[in-house]
Amino acid sequence: MGVKLYFAKYFAILAKYGRLGDAVWLEVRWSIFGGPERKLLKTNRSSMREPVGGADYAALVAAQSRALAKLSQEIAEAIQGAGKN
């Protein structure tokens, strides 16, 4: 018999920068709450930097997408770890 887990996430984007031909930076503070009582399980601050592979906006957007994917993976791993406790 498994235990049901309920998660609520909180995000605060602290900084988001990008420069064509250079890199994008993303600073986010996030928290995960679990259970019906929404108990705080984890709080973290993530910093992501992704190189921009070109001098156009398509390359900038692709770098932003990679940074968000890394952030999503980090949060997903934290949720999986919280579910094991």
PDB file of N, CA and C in Angstrom:
ATOM      1  N   MET A   1       0.841  -1.174   0.000  1.00  0.00           N
ATOM      2  CA  MET A   1       0.000   0.000   0.000  1.00  0.00           C
ATOM      3  C   MET A   1       0.886   1.238   0.000  1.00  0.00           C
ATOM      4  N   GLY A   2       0.695   2.130  -0.948  1.00  0.00           N
ATOM      5  CA  GLY A   2       1.509   3.334  -1.059  1.00  0.00           C
ATOM      6  C   GLY A   2       0.908   4.493  -0.295  1.00  0.00           C
ATOM      7  N   VAL A   3       1.741   5.450  -0.050  1.00  0.00           N
ATOM      8  CA  VAL A   3       1.316   6.666   0.624  1.00  0.00           C
ATOM      9  C   VAL A   3       1.125   7.746  -0.426  1.00  0.00           C
ATOM     10  N   LYS A   4       0.016   8.444  -0.386  1.00  0.00           N
ATOM     11  CA  LYS A   4      -0.217   9.527  -1.326  1.00  0.00           C
ATOM     12  C   LYS A   4       0.604  10.742  -0.923  1.00  0.00           C
ATOM     13  N   LEU A   5       1.270  11.295  -1.891  1.00  0.00           N
ATOM     14  CA  LEU A   5       2.050  12.494  -1.660  1.00  0.00           C
ATOM     15  C   LEU A   5       1.398  13.648  -2.390  1.00  0.00           C
ATOM     16  N   TYR A   6       1.324  14.764  -1.746  1.00  0.00           N
ATOM     17  CA  TYR A   6       0.794  15.972  -2.351  1.00  0.00           C
ATOM     18  C   TYR A   6       1.914  17.001  -2.345  1.00  0.00           C
ATOM     19  N   PHE A   7       2.145  17.631  -3.465  1.00  0.00           N
ATOM     20  CA  PHE A   7       3.216  18.609  -3.524  1.00  0.00           C
ATOM     21  C   PHE A   7       2.709  19.939  -4.045  1.00  0.00           C
ATOM     22  N   ALA A   8       3.160  20.971  -3.428  1.00  0.00           N
ATOM     23  CA  ALA A   8       2.952  22.328  -3.922  1.00  0.00           C
ATOM     24  C   ALA A   8       4.337  22.930  -4.072  1.00  0.00           C
ATOM     25  N   LYS A   9       4.544  23.677  -5.127  1.00  0.00           N
ATOM     26  CA  LYS A   9       5.843  24.282  -5.379  1.00  0.00           C
ATOM     27  C   LYS A   9       5.706  25.796  -5.373  1.00  0.00           C
ATOM     28  N   TYR A  10       6.739  26.445  -4.930  1.00  0.00           N
ATOM     29  CA  TYR A  10       6.782  27.899  -4.913  1.00  0.00           C
ATOM     30  C   TYR A  10       8.058  28.320  -5.624  1.00  0.00           C
ATOM     31  N   PHE A  11       7.952  29.240  -6.571  1.00  0.00           N
ATOM     32  CA  PHE A  11       9.112  29.727  -7.312  1.00  0.00           C
ATOM     33  C   PHE A  11       9.197  31.241  -7.192  1.00  0.00           C
ATOM     34  N   ALA A  12      10.392  31.737  -7.044  1.00  0.00           N
ATOM     35  CA  ALA A  12      10.636  33.170  -7.112  1.00  0.00           C
ATOM     36  C   ALA A  12      11.839  33.365  -8.029  1.00  0.00           C
ATOM     37  N   ILE A  13      11.595  33.928  -9.191  1.00  0.00           N
ATOM     38  CA  ILE A  13      12.697  34.192 -10.117  1.00  0.00           C
ATOM     39  C   ILE A  13      13.409  35.437  -9.614  1.00  0.00           C
ATOM     40  N   LEU A  14      14.651  35.263  -9.221  1.00  0.00           N
ATOM     41  CA  LEU A  14      15.429  36.353  -8.664  1.00  0.00           C
ATOM     42  C   LEU A  14      16.123  37.157  -9.758  1.00  0.00           C
ATOM     43  N   ALA A  15      16.580  36.473 -10.795  1.00  0.00           N
ATOM     44  CA  ALA A  15      17.251  37.152 -11.895  1.00  0.00           C
ATOM     45  C   ALA A  15      17.196  36.286 -13.142  1.00  0.00           C
ATOM     46  N   LYS A  16      17.055  36.929 -14.267  1.00  0.00           N
ATOM     47  CA  LYS A  16      17.055  36.231 -15.555  1.00  0.00           C
ATOM     48  C   LYS A  16      17.700  37.174 -16.560  1.00  0.00           C
ATOM     49  N   TYR A  17      18.869  36.776 -17.047  1.00  0.00           N
ATOM     50  CA  TYR A  17      19.604  37.603 -17.993  1.00  0.00           C
ATOM     51  C   TYR A  17      19.982  36.773 -19.197  1.00  0.00           C
ATOM     52  N   GLY A  18      20.181  37.438 -20.308  1.00  0.00           N
ATOM     53  CA  GLY A  18      20.668  36.772 -21.499  1.00  0.00           C
ATOM     54  C   GLY A  18      21.338  37.773 -22.418  1.00  0.00           C
ATOM     55  N   ARG A  19      22.388  37.302 -23.068  1.00  0.00           N
ATOM     56  CA  ARG A  19      23.114  38.152 -23.994  1.00  0.00           C
ATOM     57  C   ARG A  19      23.399  37.359 -25.267  1.00  0.00           C
ATOM     58  N   LEU A  20      23.003  37.906 -26.394  1.00  0.00           N
ATOM     59  CA  LEU A  20      23.246  37.247 -27.670  1.00  0.00           C
ATOM     60  C   LEU A  20      24.728  36.936 -27.830  1.00  0.00           C
ATOM     61  N   GLY A  21      25.029  35.728 -28.268  1.00  0.00           N
ATOM     62  CA  GLY A  21      26.405  35.320 -28.492  1.00  0.00           C
ATOM     63  C   GLY A  21      27.187  35.033 -27.225  1.00  0.00           C
ATOM     64  N   ASP A  22      26.580  35.129 -26.077  1.00  0.00           N
ATOM     65  CA  ASP A  22      27.284  34.925 -24.810  1.00  0.00           C
ATOM     66  C   ASP A  22      26.624  33.808 -24.006  1.00  0.00           C
ATOM     67  N   ALA A  23      25.736  34.170 -23.074  1.00  0.00           N
ATOM     68  CA  ALA A  23      25.118  33.177 -22.199  1.00  0.00           C
ATOM     69  C   ALA A  23      23.815  33.719 -21.632  1.00  0.00           C
ATOM     70  N   VAL A  24      23.043  32.812 -21.041  1.00  0.00           N
ATOM     71  CA  VAL A  24      21.865  33.199 -20.258  1.00  0.00           C
ATOM     72  C   VAL A  24      22.117  32.751 -18.822  1.00  0.00           C
ATOM     73  N   TRP A  25      21.566  33.514 -17.874  1.00  0.00           N
ATOM     74  CA  TRP A  25      21.695  33.224 -16.458  1.00  0.00           C
ATOM     75  C   TRP A  25      20.307  33.222 -15.852  1.00  0.00           C
ATOM     76  N   LEU A  26      20.084  32.284 -14.959  1.00  0.00           N
ATOM     77  CA  LEU A  26      18.798  32.171 -14.290  1.00  0.00           C
ATOM     78  C   LEU A  26      19.056  31.906 -12.810  1.00  0.00           C
ATOM     79  N   GLU A  27      18.504  32.744 -11.954  1.00  0.00           N
ATOM     80  CA  GLU A  27      18.601  32.587 -10.496  1.00  0.00           C
ATOM     81  C   GLU A  27      17.189  32.418  -9.969  1.00  0.00           C
ATOM     82  N   VAL A  28      16.918  31.297  -9.313  1.00  0.00           N
ATOM     83  CA  VAL A  28      15.571  30.993  -8.828  1.00  0.00           C
ATOM     84  C   VAL A  28      15.646  30.458  -7.403  1.00  0.00           C
ATOM     85  N   ARG A  29      14.766  30.945  -6.555  1.00  0.00           N
ATOM     86  CA  ARG A  29      14.583  30.370  -5.212  1.00  0.00           C
ATOM     87  C   ARG A  29      13.290  29.569  -5.277  1.00  0.00           C
ATOM     88  N   TRP A  30      13.325  28.351  -4.783  1.00  0.00           N
ATOM     89  CA  TRP A  30      12.132  27.512  -4.851  1.00  0.00           C
ATOM     90  C   TRP A  30      11.994  26.678  -3.583  1.00  0.00           C
ATOM     91  N   SER A  31      10.745  26.294  -3.327  1.00  0.00           N
ATOM     92  CA  SER A  31      10.418  25.473  -2.159  1.00  0.00           C
ATOM     93  C   SER A  31       9.434  24.394  -2.575  1.00  0.00           C
ATOM     94  N   ILE A  32       9.490  23.289  -1.868  1.00  0.00           N
ATOM     95  CA  ILE A  32       8.558  22.180  -2.087  1.00  0.00           C
ATOM     96  C   ILE A  32       7.849  21.919  -0.763  1.00  0.00           C
ATOM     97  N   PHE A  33       6.534  21.814  -0.840  1.00  0.00           N
ATOM     98  CA  PHE A  33       5.699  21.521   0.314  1.00  0.00           C
ATOM     99  C   PHE A  33       4.985  20.206   0.063  1.00  0.00           C
ATOM    100  N   GLY A  34       4.800  19.382   1.089  1.00  0.00           N
ATOM    101  CA  GLY A  34       4.160  18.089   0.898  1.00  0.00           C
ATOM    102  C   GLY A  34       3.035  17.840   1.870  1.00  0.00           C
ATOM    103  N   GLY A  35       2.165  16.937   1.445  1.00  0.00           N
ATOM    104  CA  GLY A  35       1.054  16.512   2.278  1.00  0.00           C
ATOM    105  C   GLY A  35      -0.061  17.529   2.330  1.00  0.00           C
ATOM    106  N   PRO A  36      -1.209  17.098   2.829  1.00  0.00           N
ATOM    107  CA  PRO A  36      -2.346  18.011   2.910  1.00  0.00           C
ATOM    108  C   PRO A  36      -2.081  19.198   3.832  1.00  0.00           C
ATOM    109  N   GLU A  37      -1.135  19.039   4.774  1.00  0.00           N
ATOM    110  CA  GLU A  37      -0.803  20.146   5.677  1.00  0.00           C
ATOM    111  C   GLU A  37       0.240  21.081   5.056  1.00  0.00           C
ATOM    112  N   ARG A  38       0.726  20.733   3.865  1.00  0.00           N
ATOM    113  CA  ARG A  38       1.712  21.542   3.124  1.00  0.00           C
ATOM    114  C   ARG A  38       2.955  21.836   3.963  1.00  0.00           C
ATOM    115  N   LYS A  39       3.503  20.804   4.508  1.00  0.00           N
ATOM    116  CA  LYS A  39       4.719  20.902   5.313  1.00  0.00           C
ATOM    117  C   LYS A  39       5.906  21.217   4.393  1.00  0.00           C
ATOM    118  N   LEU A  40       6.754  22.150   4.812  1.00  0.00           N
ATOM    119  CA  LEU A  40       7.929  22.502   4.033  1.00  0.00           C
ATOM    120  C   LEU A  40       8.899  21.327   4.012  1.00  0.00           C
ATOM    121  N   LEU A  41       9.219  20.847   2.815  1.00  0.00           N
ATOM    122  CA  LEU A  41      10.126  19.710   2.667  1.00  0.00           C
ATOM    123  C   LEU A  41      11.514  20.137   2.224  1.00  0.00           C
ATOM    124  N   LYS A  42      11.592  21.173   1.408  1.00  0.00           N
ATOM    125  CA  LYS A  42      12.893  21.606   0.903  1.00  0.00           C
ATOM    126  C   LYS A  42      12.786  23.018   0.355  1.00  0.00           C
ATOM    127  N   THR A  43      13.825  23.792   0.605  1.00  0.00           N
ATOM    128  CA  THR A  43      13.983  25.109   0.002  1.00  0.00           C
ATOM    129  C   THR A  43      15.375  25.152  -0.604  1.00  0.00           C
ATOM    130  N   ASN A  44      15.479  25.735  -1.784  1.00  0.00           N
ATOM    131  CA  ASN A  44      16.768  25.787  -2.456  1.00  0.00           C
ATOM    132  C   ASN A  44      16.865  27.045  -3.308  1.00  0.00           C
ATOM    133  N   ARG A  45      18.088  27.403  -3.620  1.00  0.00           N
ATOM    134  CA  ARG A  45      18.354  28.499  -4.558  1.00  0.00           C
ATOM    135  C   ARG A  45      19.199  27.906  -5.670  1.00  0.00           C
ATOM    136  N   SER A  46      18.722  28.023  -6.889  1.00  0.00           N
ATOM    137  CA  SER A  46      19.408  27.451  -8.041  1.00  0.00           C
ATOM    138  C   SER A  46      19.949  28.547  -8.937  1.00  0.00           C
ATOM    139  N   SER A  47      21.152  28.318  -9.429  1.00  0.00           N
ATOM    140  CA  SER A  47      21.783  29.219 -10.391  1.00  0.00           C
ATOM    141  C   SER A  47      22.117  28.421 -11.641  1.00  0.00           C
ATOM    142  N   MET A  48      21.596  28.858 -12.757  1.00  0.00           N
ATOM    143  CA  MET A  48      21.834  28.175 -14.020  1.00  0.00           C
ATOM    144  C   MET A  48      22.530  29.134 -14.987  1.00  0.00           C
ATOM    145  N   ARG A  49      23.514  28.635 -15.707  1.00  0.00           N
ATOM    146  CA  ARG A  49      24.162  29.390 -16.775  1.00  0.00           C
ATOM    147  C   ARG A  49      24.250  28.476 -17.980  1.00  0.00           C
ATOM    148  N   GLU A  50      23.792  28.958 -19.103  1.00  0.00           N
ATOM    149  CA  GLU A  50      23.844  28.197 -20.345  1.00  0.00           C
ATOM    150  C   GLU A  50      24.451  29.066 -21.439  1.00  0.00           C
ATOM    151  N   PRO A  51      25.413  28.533 -22.178  1.00  0.00           N
ATOM    152  CA  PRO A  51      25.973  29.307 -23.278  1.00  0.00           C
ATOM    153  C   PRO A  51      24.969  29.469 -24.419  1.00  0.00           C
ATOM    154  N   VAL A  52      25.018  30.634 -25.055  1.00  0.00           N
ATOM    155  CA  VAL A  52      24.196  30.882 -26.239  1.00  0.00           C
ATOM    156  C   VAL A  52      25.043  30.494 -27.440  1.00  0.00           C
ATOM    157  N   GLY A  53      24.562  29.532 -28.200  1.00  0.00           N
ATOM    158  CA  GLY A  53      25.357  28.974 -29.295  1.00  0.00           C
ATOM    159  C   GLY A  53      25.342  29.777 -30.578  1.00  0.00           C
ATOM    160  N   GLY A  54      24.872  31.014 -30.554  1.00  0.00           N
ATOM    161  CA  GLY A  54      24.842  31.829 -31.765  1.00  0.00           C
ATOM    162  C   GLY A  54      24.514  33.261 -31.418  1.00  0.00           C
ATOM    163  N   ALA A  55      24.471  34.080 -32.462  1.00  0.00           N
ATOM    164  CA  ALA A  55      24.243  35.514 -32.261  1.00  0.00           C
ATOM    165  C   ALA A  55      22.813  35.934 -32.576  1.00  0.00           C
ATOM    166  N   ASP A  56      21.895  34.965 -32.675  1.00  0.00           N
ATOM    167  CA  ASP A  56      20.507  35.306 -33.003  1.00  0.00           C
ATOM    168  C   ASP A  56      19.578  34.958 -31.840  1.00  0.00           C
ATOM    169  N   TYR A  57      18.326  35.409 -31.963  1.00  0.00           N
ATOM    170  CA  TYR A  57      17.367  35.193 -30.872  1.00  0.00           C
ATOM    171  C   TYR A  57      16.955  33.733 -30.738  1.00  0.00           C
ATOM    172  N   ALA A  58      16.994  32.976 -31.820  1.00  0.00           N
ATOM    173  CA  ALA A  58      16.679  31.547 -31.722  1.00  0.00           C
ATOM    174  C   ALA A  58      17.678  30.843 -30.805  1.00  0.00           C
ATOM    175  N   ALA A  59      18.955  31.208 -30.892  1.00  0.00           N
ATOM    176  CA  ALA A  59      19.984  30.618 -30.030  1.00  0.00           C
ATOM    177  C   ALA A  59      19.780  31.052 -28.579  1.00  0.00           C
ATOM    178  N   LEU A  60      19.370  32.297 -28.378  1.00  0.00           N
ATOM    179  CA  LEU A  60      19.110  32.801 -27.028  1.00  0.00           C
ATOM    180  C   LEU A  60      17.951  32.046 -26.391  1.00  0.00           C
ATOM    181  N   VAL A  61      16.873  31.876 -27.135  1.00  0.00           N
ATOM    182  CA  VAL A  61      15.703  31.156 -26.625  1.00  0.00           C
ATOM    183  C   VAL A  61      16.047  29.694 -26.352  1.00  0.00           C
ATOM    184  N   ALA A  62      16.855  29.082 -27.211  1.00  0.00           N
ATOM    185  CA  ALA A  62      17.266  27.692 -26.982  1.00  0.00           C
ATOM    186  C   ALA A  62      18.069  27.569 -25.683  1.00  0.00           C
ATOM    187  N   ALA A  63      18.942  28.529 -25.408  1.00  0.00           N
ATOM    188  CA  ALA A  63      19.719  28.519 -24.167  1.00  0.00           C
ATOM    189  C   ALA A  63      18.809  28.710 -22.958  1.00  0.00           C
ATOM    190  N   GLN A  64      17.814  29.595 -23.070  1.00  0.00           N
ATOM    191  CA  GLN A  64      16.859  29.779 -21.975  1.00  0.00           C
ATOM    192  C   GLN A  64      16.098  28.484 -21.715  1.00  0.00           C
ATOM    193  N   SER A  65      15.719  27.804 -22.778  1.00  0.00           N
ATOM    194  CA  SER A  65      14.999  26.539 -22.646  1.00  0.00           C
ATOM    195  C   SER A  65      15.856  25.487 -21.938  1.00  0.00           C
ATOM    196  N   ARG A  66      17.137  25.417 -22.284  1.00  0.00           N
ATOM    197  CA  ARG A  66      18.028  24.464 -21.611  1.00  0.00           C
ATOM    198  C   ARG A  66      18.181  24.794 -20.130  1.00  0.00           C
ATOM    199  N   ALA A  67      18.268  26.076 -19.796  1.00  0.00           N
ATOM    200  CA  ALA A  67      18.379  26.483 -18.389  1.00  0.00           C
ATOM    201  C   ALA A  67      17.123  26.076 -17.618  1.00  0.00           C
ATOM    202  N   LEU A  68      15.954  26.299 -18.208  1.00  0.00           N
ATOM    203  CA  LEU A  68      14.701  25.904 -17.544  1.00  0.00           C
ATOM    204  C   LEU A  68      14.595  24.389 -17.419  1.00  0.00           C
ATOM    205  N   ALA A  69      15.094  23.656 -18.410  1.00  0.00           N
ATOM    206  CA  ALA A  69      15.079  22.194 -18.334  1.00  0.00           C
ATOM    207  C   ALA A  69      15.953  21.709 -17.181  1.00  0.00           C
ATOM    208  N   LYS A  70      17.116  22.329 -16.998  1.00  0.00           N
ATOM    209  CA  LYS A  70      17.983  21.961 -15.871  1.00  0.00           C
ATOM    210  C   LYS A  70      17.307  22.254 -14.535  1.00  0.00           C
ATOM    211  N   LEU A  71      16.648  23.404 -14.452  1.00  0.00           N
ATOM    212  CA  LEU A  71      15.920  23.749 -13.228  1.00  0.00           C
ATOM    213  C   LEU A  71      14.811  22.734 -12.970  1.00  0.00           C
ATOM    214  N   SER A  72      14.062  22.383 -13.989  1.00  0.00           N
ATOM    215  CA  SER A  72      12.978  21.397 -13.846  1.00  0.00           C
ATOM    216  C   SER A  72      13.512  20.061 -13.367  1.00  0.00           C
ATOM    217  N   GLN A  73      14.648  19.632 -13.905  1.00  0.00           N
ATOM    218  CA  GLN A  73      15.251  18.364 -13.496  1.00  0.00           C
ATOM    219  C   GLN A  73      15.676  18.409 -12.032  1.00  0.00           C
ATOM    220  N   GLU A  74      16.258  19.519 -11.624  1.00  0.00           N
ATOM    221  CA  GLU A  74      16.690  19.673 -10.228  1.00  0.00           C
ATOM    222  C   GLU A  74      15.500  19.589  -9.272  1.00  0.00           C
ATOM    223  N   ILE A  75      14.413  20.253  -9.638  1.00  0.00           N
ATOM    224  CA  ILE A  75      13.215  20.215  -8.787  1.00  0.00           C
ATOM    225  C   ILE A  75      12.574  18.825  -8.787  1.00  0.00           C
ATOM    226  N   ALA A  76      12.537  18.178  -9.949  1.00  0.00           N
ATOM    227  CA  ALA A  76      11.971  16.833 -10.032  1.00  0.00           C
ATOM    228  C   ALA A  76      12.761  15.853  -9.159  1.00  0.00           C
ATOM    229  N   GLU A  77      14.082  15.977  -9.161  1.00  0.00           N
ATOM    230  CA  GLU A  77      14.901  15.098  -8.317  1.00  0.00           C
ATOM    231  C   GLU A  77      14.651  15.371  -6.837  1.00  0.00           C
ATOM    232  N   ALA A  78      14.430  16.632  -6.483  1.00  0.00           N
ATOM    233  CA  ALA A  78      14.118  16.969  -5.086  1.00  0.00           C
ATOM    234  C   ALA A  78      12.775  16.380  -4.671  1.00  0.00           C
ATOM    235  N   ILE A  79      11.799  16.415  -5.571  1.00  0.00           N
ATOM    236  CA  ILE A  79      10.485  15.832  -5.270  1.00  0.00           C
ATOM    237  C   ILE A  79      10.601  14.326  -5.107  1.00  0.00           C
ATOM    238  N   GLN A  80      11.365  13.690  -5.993  1.00  0.00           N
ATOM    239  CA  GLN A  80      11.549  12.238  -5.869  1.00  0.00           C
ATOM    240  C   GLN A  80      12.226  11.879  -4.558  1.00  0.00           C
ATOM    241  N   GLY A  81      13.227  12.673  -4.173  1.00  0.00           N
ATOM    242  CA  GLY A  81      13.914  12.434  -2.898  1.00  0.00           C
ATOM    243  C   GLY A  81      13.002  12.648  -1.708  1.00  0.00           C
ATOM    244  N   ALA A  82      12.138  13.642  -1.789  1.00  0.00           N
ATOM    245  CA  ALA A  82      11.192  13.918  -0.699  1.00  0.00           C
ATOM    246  C   ALA A  82      10.188  12.785  -0.570  1.00  0.00           C
ATOM    247  N   GLY A  83       9.820  12.162  -1.667  1.00  0.00           N
ATOM    248  CA  GLY A  83       8.868  11.063  -1.636  1.00  0.00           C
ATOM    249  C   GLY A  83       9.410   9.810  -0.991  1.00  0.00           C
ATOM    250  N   LYS A  84      10.731   9.724  -0.864  1.00  0.00           N
ATOM    251  CA  LYS A  84      11.358   8.544  -0.256  1.00  0.00           C
ATOM    252  C   LYS A  84      11.432   8.642   1.253  1.00  0.00           C
ATOM    253  N   ASN A  85      11.206   9.844   1.779  1.00  0.00           N
ATOM    254  CA  ASN A  85      11.285  10.040   3.232  1.00  0.00           C
ATOM    255  C   ASN A  85       9.997   9.674   3.916  1.00  0.00           C
TER     256      ASN A  85
END
